[in-house]
Amino acid sequence: AMARGLTGVARPLIVTGTAHALFYGLILHNPLWSAQAVGGWPLVNLLLPLFLLPWFGLTRMPALFAKAPAELDRAIQIVTMLLVAGFAWATLRQLFHGALLAQPGVTDAENILRSILILALALGFLLWGIRAKRHDWRIASLVLMIGAAGKVFLFDASGLEGLARIGSFVALGFSLIGIGWLYSRQLAPDRDDAAPASA
């Protein structure tokens, strides 16, 4: 309908389909807390369409309106971040628990990989925020960094002893230093361009 210019037909279909995918798929029947089998194969399962279809619908919405408000674009970016993080979290869960993600229990390896995943998401959000010049993605990256640091300090380190505890803090420190160095290095040209403009 959109390809044929039938915006009046496409608008209710896309809005209704996206709302259905978000509410029923990701809120009411999310496999992370509801007993919904997603398939036993990593990556080749129902998690991809579960998170991809809402994103596809959301990114089509600005084209449905003549003048889309700026708040709509920000909302789409925030939901996209949540979808990316949710897909990564669910995929990690699927690697350890198979088709049913809502099974109780978290292994030590999964717990450690969760911290690594949060740091990886923070790095990915930062790189995309720098490349696309999106401030919201940079803020989300900072929030994820703080969350990863808090998780390691408050939860991961309490269950480790000796060299393992020291290693977790050292790994976290080097990760945060590396992300901070990347952030300052990539944003240096922006500051240099802004200085002559302000002068």
C-alpha atoms as a PDB file:
ATOM      1  CA  ALA A   1       0.000   0.000   0.000  1.00  0.00           C
ATOM      2  CA  MET A   2       2.862   2.402   0.798  1.00  0.00           C
ATOM      3  CA  ALA A   3       4.623   1.578  -2.482  1.00  0.00           C
ATOM      4  CA  ARG A   4       1.436   2.423  -4.390  1.00  0.00           C
ATOM      5  CA  GLY A   5       0.959   5.680  -2.503  1.00  0.00           C
ATOM      6  CA  LEU A   6      -2.084   4.440  -0.571  1.00  0.00           C
ATOM      7  CA  THR A   7      -1.065   6.062   2.703  1.00  0.00           C
ATOM      8  CA  GLY A   8      -4.620   6.059   4.037  1.00  0.00           C
ATOM      9  CA  VAL A   9      -4.680   2.263   3.732  1.00  0.00           C
ATOM     10  CA  ALA A  10      -1.141   1.709   4.987  1.00  0.00           C
ATOM     11  CA  ARG A  11      -1.455   3.918   8.075  1.00  0.00           C
ATOM     12  CA  PRO A  12      -3.981   1.841  10.082  1.00  0.00           C
ATOM     13  CA  LEU A  13      -2.370  -1.429   8.997  1.00  0.00           C
ATOM     14  CA  ILE A  14       1.138  -0.435  10.109  1.00  0.00           C
ATOM     15  CA  VAL A  15      -0.001   1.241  13.338  1.00  0.00           C
ATOM     16  CA  THR A  16      -2.238  -1.697  14.316  1.00  0.00           C
ATOM     17  CA  GLY A  17       0.337  -4.334  13.385  1.00  0.00           C
ATOM     18  CA  THR A  18       3.129  -2.560  15.253  1.00  0.00           C
ATOM     19  CA  ALA A  19       0.979  -2.052  18.337  1.00  0.00           C
ATOM     20  CA  HIS A  20      -0.030  -5.732  18.259  1.00  0.00           C
ATOM     21  CA  ALA A  21       3.586  -6.874  17.937  1.00  0.00           C
ATOM     22  CA  LEU A  22       4.716  -4.627  20.793  1.00  0.00           C
ATOM     23  CA  PHE A  23       1.887  -5.395  23.216  1.00  0.00           C
ATOM     24  CA  TYR A  24       1.211  -9.076  22.621  1.00  0.00           C
ATOM     25  CA  GLY A  25       4.660 -10.169  21.491  1.00  0.00           C
ATOM     26  CA  LEU A  26       6.987  -8.159  23.725  1.00  0.00           C
ATOM     27  CA  ILE A  27       4.883  -7.224  26.757  1.00  0.00           C
ATOM     28  CA  LEU A  28       2.126  -9.757  27.331  1.00  0.00           C
ATOM     29  CA  HIS A  29       3.712 -12.903  25.888  1.00  0.00           C
ATOM     30  CA  ASN A  30       7.414 -12.087  25.992  1.00  0.00           C
ATOM     31  CA  PRO A  31       9.339 -15.389  26.085  1.00  0.00           C
ATOM     32  CA  LEU A  32      11.682 -13.948  28.723  1.00  0.00           C
ATOM     33  CA  TRP A  33       8.905 -14.179  31.343  1.00  0.00           C
ATOM     34  CA  SER A  34       6.162 -16.171  29.602  1.00  0.00           C
ATOM     35  CA  ALA A  35       6.393 -19.847  28.635  1.00  0.00           C
ATOM     36  CA  GLN A  36       6.747 -19.324  24.893  1.00  0.00           C
ATOM     37  CA  ALA A  37       9.036 -21.693  22.979  1.00  0.00           C
ATOM     38  CA  VAL A  38      11.322 -19.787  20.578  1.00  0.00           C
ATOM     39  CA  GLY A  39      13.227 -22.687  19.039  1.00  0.00           C
ATOM     40  CA  GLY A  40      16.364 -24.553  19.986  1.00  0.00           C
ATOM     41  CA  TRP A  41      18.805 -23.189  17.419  1.00  0.00           C
ATOM     42  CA  PRO A  42      20.839 -20.082  18.308  1.00  0.00           C
ATOM     43  CA  LEU A  43      19.997 -17.033  16.142  1.00  0.00           C
ATOM     44  CA  VAL A  44      17.883 -19.160  13.757  1.00  0.00           C
ATOM     45  CA  ASN A  45      14.705 -19.025  15.820  1.00  0.00           C
ATOM     46  CA  LEU A  46      11.610 -16.907  16.476  1.00  0.00           C
ATOM     47  CA  LEU A  47      13.477 -14.245  18.458  1.00  0.00           C
ATOM     48  CA  LEU A  48      14.588 -12.448  15.295  1.00  0.00           C
ATOM     49  CA  PRO A  49      11.079 -11.799  13.876  1.00  0.00           C
ATOM     50  CA  LEU A  50       9.778 -11.134  17.396  1.00  0.00           C
ATOM     51  CA  PHE A  51      12.079  -8.113  17.770  1.00  0.00           C
ATOM     52  CA  LEU A  52      12.501  -7.234  14.086  1.00  0.00           C
ATOM     53  CA  LEU A  53       8.827  -6.811  13.149  1.00  0.00           C
ATOM     54  CA  PRO A  54       8.086  -4.061  15.722  1.00  0.00           C
ATOM     55  CA  TRP A  55      11.235  -2.216  14.660  1.00  0.00           C
ATOM     56  CA  PHE A  56      10.234  -2.463  11.010  1.00  0.00           C
ATOM     57  CA  GLY A  57       6.793  -1.060  11.774  1.00  0.00           C
ATOM     58  CA  LEU A  58       8.153   1.774  13.897  1.00  0.00           C
ATOM     59  CA  THR A  59      10.648   2.881  11.269  1.00  0.00           C
ATOM     60  CA  ARG A  60       7.857   3.039   8.662  1.00  0.00           C
ATOM     61  CA  MET A  61       5.678   5.351  10.741  1.00  0.00           C
ATOM     62  CA  PRO A  62       7.369   8.702   9.954  1.00  0.00           C
ATOM     63  CA  ALA A  63       6.597   8.151   6.264  1.00  0.00           C
ATOM     64  CA  LEU A  64       2.897   7.854   7.110  1.00  0.00           C
ATOM     65  CA  PHE A  65       2.596  11.461   8.238  1.00  0.00           C
ATOM     66  CA  ALA A  66       3.236  14.630   6.249  1.00  0.00           C
ATOM     67  CA  LYS A  67       5.038  16.321   9.139  1.00  0.00           C
ATOM     68  CA  ALA A  68       6.187  13.802  11.720  1.00  0.00           C
ATOM     69  CA  PRO A  69       6.895  15.471  15.092  1.00  0.00           C
ATOM     70  CA  ALA A  70      10.411  15.360  16.518  1.00  0.00           C
ATOM     71  CA  GLU A  71       9.095  13.487  19.551  1.00  0.00           C
ATOM     72  CA  LEU A  72       8.114  10.581  17.286  1.00  0.00           C
ATOM     73  CA  ASP A  73      11.682  10.185  16.032  1.00  0.00           C
ATOM     74  CA  ARG A  74      13.049  10.242  19.592  1.00  0.00           C
ATOM     75  CA  ALA A  75      10.475   7.662  20.698  1.00  0.00           C
ATOM     76  CA  ILE A  76      11.431   5.423  17.767  1.00  0.00           C
ATOM     77  CA  GLN A  77      15.116   5.683  18.692  1.00  0.00           C
ATOM     78  CA  ILE A  78      14.429   4.804  22.336  1.00  0.00           C
ATOM     79  CA  VAL A  79      12.258   1.812  21.407  1.00  0.00           C
ATOM     80  CA  THR A  80      14.930   0.700  18.934  1.00  0.00           C
ATOM     81  CA  MET A  81      17.513   0.703  21.741  1.00  0.00           C
ATOM     82  CA  LEU A  82      15.191  -1.376  23.910  1.00  0.00           C
ATOM     83  CA  LEU A  83      14.572  -3.818  21.051  1.00  0.00           C
ATOM     84  CA  VAL A  84      18.297  -4.248  20.375  1.00  0.00           C
ATOM     85  CA  ALA A  85      19.051  -4.774  24.063  1.00  0.00           C
ATOM     86  CA  GLY A  86      16.098  -7.145  24.461  1.00  0.00           C
ATOM     87  CA  PHE A  87      17.125  -9.231  21.461  1.00  0.00           C
ATOM     88  CA  ALA A  88      20.715  -9.499  22.702  1.00  0.00           C
ATOM     89  CA  TRP A  89      19.555 -10.412  26.219  1.00  0.00           C
ATOM     90  CA  ALA A  90      17.090 -13.020  24.949  1.00  0.00           C
ATOM     91  CA  THR A  91      19.682 -14.523  22.590  1.00  0.00           C
ATOM     92  CA  LEU A  92      22.145 -14.911  25.457  1.00  0.00           C
ATOM     93  CA  ARG A  93      19.416 -16.530  27.540  1.00  0.00           C
ATOM     94  CA  GLN A  94      18.556 -18.878  24.662  1.00  0.00           C
ATOM     95  CA  LEU A  95      22.165 -20.062  24.413  1.00  0.00           C
ATOM     96  CA  PHE A  96      21.975 -21.409  27.964  1.00  0.00           C
ATOM     97  CA  HIS A  97      18.320 -22.466  28.278  1.00  0.00           C
ATOM     98  CA  GLY A  98      17.255 -23.579  24.826  1.00  0.00           C
ATOM     99  CA  ALA A  99      13.728 -23.008  23.560  1.00  0.00           C
ATOM    100  CA  LEU A 100      12.139 -21.950  26.869  1.00  0.00           C
ATOM    101  CA  LEU A 101      13.780 -18.769  28.135  1.00  0.00           C
ATOM    102  CA  ALA A 102      11.539 -18.433  31.198  1.00  0.00           C
ATOM    103  CA  GLN A 103      13.154 -21.369  32.974  1.00  0.00           C
ATOM    104  CA  PRO A 104      14.445 -20.418  36.445  1.00  0.00           C
ATOM    105  CA  GLY A 105      18.116 -20.193  37.349  1.00  0.00           C
ATOM    106  CA  VAL A 106      21.190 -18.356  36.092  1.00  0.00           C
ATOM    107  CA  THR A 107      24.555 -20.075  35.766  1.00  0.00           C
ATOM    108  CA  ASP A 108      27.816 -18.350  36.692  1.00  0.00           C
ATOM    109  CA  ALA A 109      28.916 -18.305  33.051  1.00  0.00           C
ATOM    110  CA  GLU A 110      25.653 -16.691  31.961  1.00  0.00           C
ATOM    111  CA  ASN A 111      25.929 -14.112  34.730  1.00  0.00           C
ATOM    112  CA  ILE A 112      29.448 -13.132  33.675  1.00  0.00           C
ATOM    113  CA  LEU A 113      28.430 -13.004  30.015  1.00  0.00           C
ATOM    114  CA  ARG A 114      25.571 -10.690  30.950  1.00  0.00           C
ATOM    115  CA  SER A 115      28.079  -8.155  32.236  1.00  0.00           C
ATOM    116  CA  ILE A 116      30.149  -8.533  29.075  1.00  0.00           C
ATOM    117  CA  LEU A 117      26.988  -8.147  26.989  1.00  0.00           C
ATOM    118  CA  ILE A 118      26.060  -4.892  28.734  1.00  0.00           C
ATOM    119  CA  LEU A 119      29.527  -3.501  28.037  1.00  0.00           C
ATOM    120  CA  ALA A 120      29.333  -4.654  24.410  1.00  0.00           C
ATOM    121  CA  LEU A 121      25.955  -2.961  24.013  1.00  0.00           C
ATOM    122  CA  ALA A 122      27.357   0.212  25.579  1.00  0.00           C
ATOM    123  CA  LEU A 123      30.216   0.191  23.066  1.00  0.00           C
ATOM    124  CA  GLY A 124      27.878  -0.507  20.158  1.00  0.00           C
ATOM    125  CA  PHE A 125      25.457   2.248  21.183  1.00  0.00           C
ATOM    126  CA  LEU A 126      28.371   4.666  21.541  1.00  0.00           C
ATOM    127  CA  LEU A 127      29.768   3.852  18.097  1.00  0.00           C
ATOM    128  CA  TRP A 128      26.357   4.184  16.465  1.00  0.00           C
ATOM    129  CA  GLY A 129      25.647   7.414  18.331  1.00  0.00           C
ATOM    130  CA  ILE A 130      28.935   8.880  17.110  1.00  0.00           C
ATOM    131  CA  ARG A 131      28.454   7.711  13.523  1.00  0.00           C
ATOM    132  CA  ALA A 132      24.807   8.759  13.243  1.00  0.00           C
ATOM    133  CA  LYS A 133      25.331  11.867  15.422  1.00  0.00           C
ATOM    134  CA  ARG A 134      22.555  10.743  17.744  1.00  0.00           C
ATOM    135  CA  HIS A 135      22.794  12.172  21.255  1.00  0.00           C
ATOM    136  CA  ASP A 136      20.212   9.747  22.661  1.00  0.00           C
ATOM    137  CA  TRP A 137      22.361   6.738  21.769  1.00  0.00           C
ATOM    138  CA  ARG A 138      25.352   8.276  23.547  1.00  0.00           C
ATOM    139  CA  ILE A 139      23.274   8.854  26.673  1.00  0.00           C
ATOM    140  CA  ALA A 140      22.025   5.265  26.524  1.00  0.00           C
ATOM    141  CA  SER A 141      25.631   4.103  26.207  1.00  0.00           C
ATOM    142  CA  LEU A 142      26.547   6.025  29.355  1.00  0.00           C
ATOM    143  CA  VAL A 143      23.593   4.507  31.232  1.00  0.00           C
ATOM    144  CA  LEU A 144      24.673   1.011  30.172  1.00  0.00           C
ATOM    145  CA  MET A 145      28.258   1.689  31.299  1.00  0.00           C
ATOM    146  CA  ILE A 146      27.020   2.770  34.722  1.00  0.00           C
ATOM    147  CA  GLY A 147      24.740  -0.263  34.858  1.00  0.00           C
ATOM    148  CA  ALA A 148      27.594  -2.623  33.981  1.00  0.00           C
ATOM    149  CA  ALA A 149      29.842  -1.061  36.620  1.00  0.00           C
ATOM    150  CA  GLY A 150      27.108  -1.274  39.249  1.00  0.00           C
ATOM    151  CA  LYS A 151      26.366  -4.904  38.364  1.00  0.00           C
ATOM    152  CA  VAL A 152      30.025  -5.906  38.700  1.00  0.00           C
ATOM    153  CA  PHE A 153      30.525  -4.024  41.973  1.00  0.00           C
ATOM    154  CA  LEU A 154      27.255  -5.014  43.652  1.00  0.00           C
ATOM    155  CA  PHE A 155      26.530  -8.505  42.351  1.00  0.00           C
ATOM    156  CA  ASP A 156      29.317 -10.177  40.373  1.00  0.00           C
ATOM    157  CA  ALA A 157      32.185  -9.403  42.760  1.00  0.00           C
ATOM    158  CA  SER A 158      30.238 -10.638  45.783  1.00  0.00           C
ATOM    159  CA  GLY A 159      30.080 -14.134  44.329  1.00  0.00           C
ATOM    160  CA  LEU A 160      33.767 -14.295  43.381  1.00  0.00           C
ATOM    161  CA  GLU A 161      36.839 -14.815  45.495  1.00  0.00           C
ATOM    162  CA  GLY A 162      40.576 -14.199  45.214  1.00  0.00           C
ATOM    163  CA  LEU A 163      42.042 -13.714  41.779  1.00  0.00           C
ATOM    164  CA  ALA A 164      38.669 -14.059  40.058  1.00  0.00           C
ATOM    165  CA  ARG A 165      37.358 -11.019  41.925  1.00  0.00           C
ATOM    166  CA  ILE A 166      40.505  -9.026  41.107  1.00  0.00           C
ATOM    167  CA  GLY A 167      40.271 -10.082  37.477  1.00  0.00           C
ATOM    168  CA  SER A 168      36.650  -8.955  37.199  1.00  0.00           C
ATOM    169  CA  PHE A 169      37.531  -5.471  38.487  1.00  0.00           C
ATOM    170  CA  VAL A 170      40.576  -5.223  36.226  1.00  0.00           C
ATOM    171  CA  ALA A 171      38.533  -6.274  33.183  1.00  0.00           C
ATOM    172  CA  LEU A 172      35.820  -3.761  34.033  1.00  0.00           C
ATOM    173  CA  GLY A 173      38.386  -0.998  34.551  1.00  0.00           C
ATOM    174  CA  PHE A 174      40.126  -1.596  31.239  1.00  0.00           C
ATOM    175  CA  SER A 175      36.774  -1.789  29.444  1.00  0.00           C
ATOM    176  CA  LEU A 176      35.607   1.538  30.855  1.00  0.00           C
ATOM    177  CA  ILE A 177      38.973   3.175  30.135  1.00  0.00           C
ATOM    178  CA  GLY A 178      38.850   1.934  26.548  1.00  0.00           C
ATOM    179  CA  ILE A 179      35.299   3.158  26.016  1.00  0.00           C
ATOM    180  CA  GLY A 180      36.165   6.536  27.572  1.00  0.00           C
ATOM    181  CA  TRP A 181      39.228   6.864  25.333  1.00  0.00           C
ATOM    182  CA  LEU A 182      37.138   6.018  22.270  1.00  0.00           C
ATOM    183  CA  TYR A 183      34.469   8.519  23.287  1.00  0.00           C
ATOM    184  CA  SER A 184      36.967  11.366  23.751  1.00  0.00           C
ATOM    185  CA  ARG A 185      38.887  10.481  20.567  1.00  0.00           C
ATOM    186  CA  GLN A 186      35.803  10.304  18.355  1.00  0.00           C
ATOM    187  CA  LEU A 187      34.231  13.477  19.745  1.00  0.00           C
ATOM    188  CA  ALA A 188      37.419  15.566  19.520  1.00  0.00           C
ATOM    189  CA  PRO A 189      36.668  16.706  15.909  1.00  0.00           C
ATOM    190  CA  ASP A 190      33.174  17.793  17.011  1.00  0.00           C
ATOM    191  CA  ARG A 191      34.650  20.006  19.724  1.00  0.00           C
ATOM    192  CA  ASP A 192      37.219  21.453  17.307  1.00  0.00           C
ATOM    193  CA  ASP A 193      34.467  22.313  14.816  1.00  0.00           C
ATOM    194  CA  ALA A 194      32.273  23.813  17.514  1.00  0.00           C
ATOM    195  CA  ALA A 195      35.044  26.105  18.840  1.00  0.00           C
ATOM    196  CA  PRO A 196      35.508  28.212  15.647  1.00  0.00           C
ATOM    197  CA  ALA A 197      31.742  28.407  15.170  1.00  0.00           C
ATOM    198  CA  SER A 198      31.239  29.793  18.666  1.00  0.00           C
ATOM    199  CA  ALA A 199      34.138  32.231  18.215  1.00  0.00           C
END
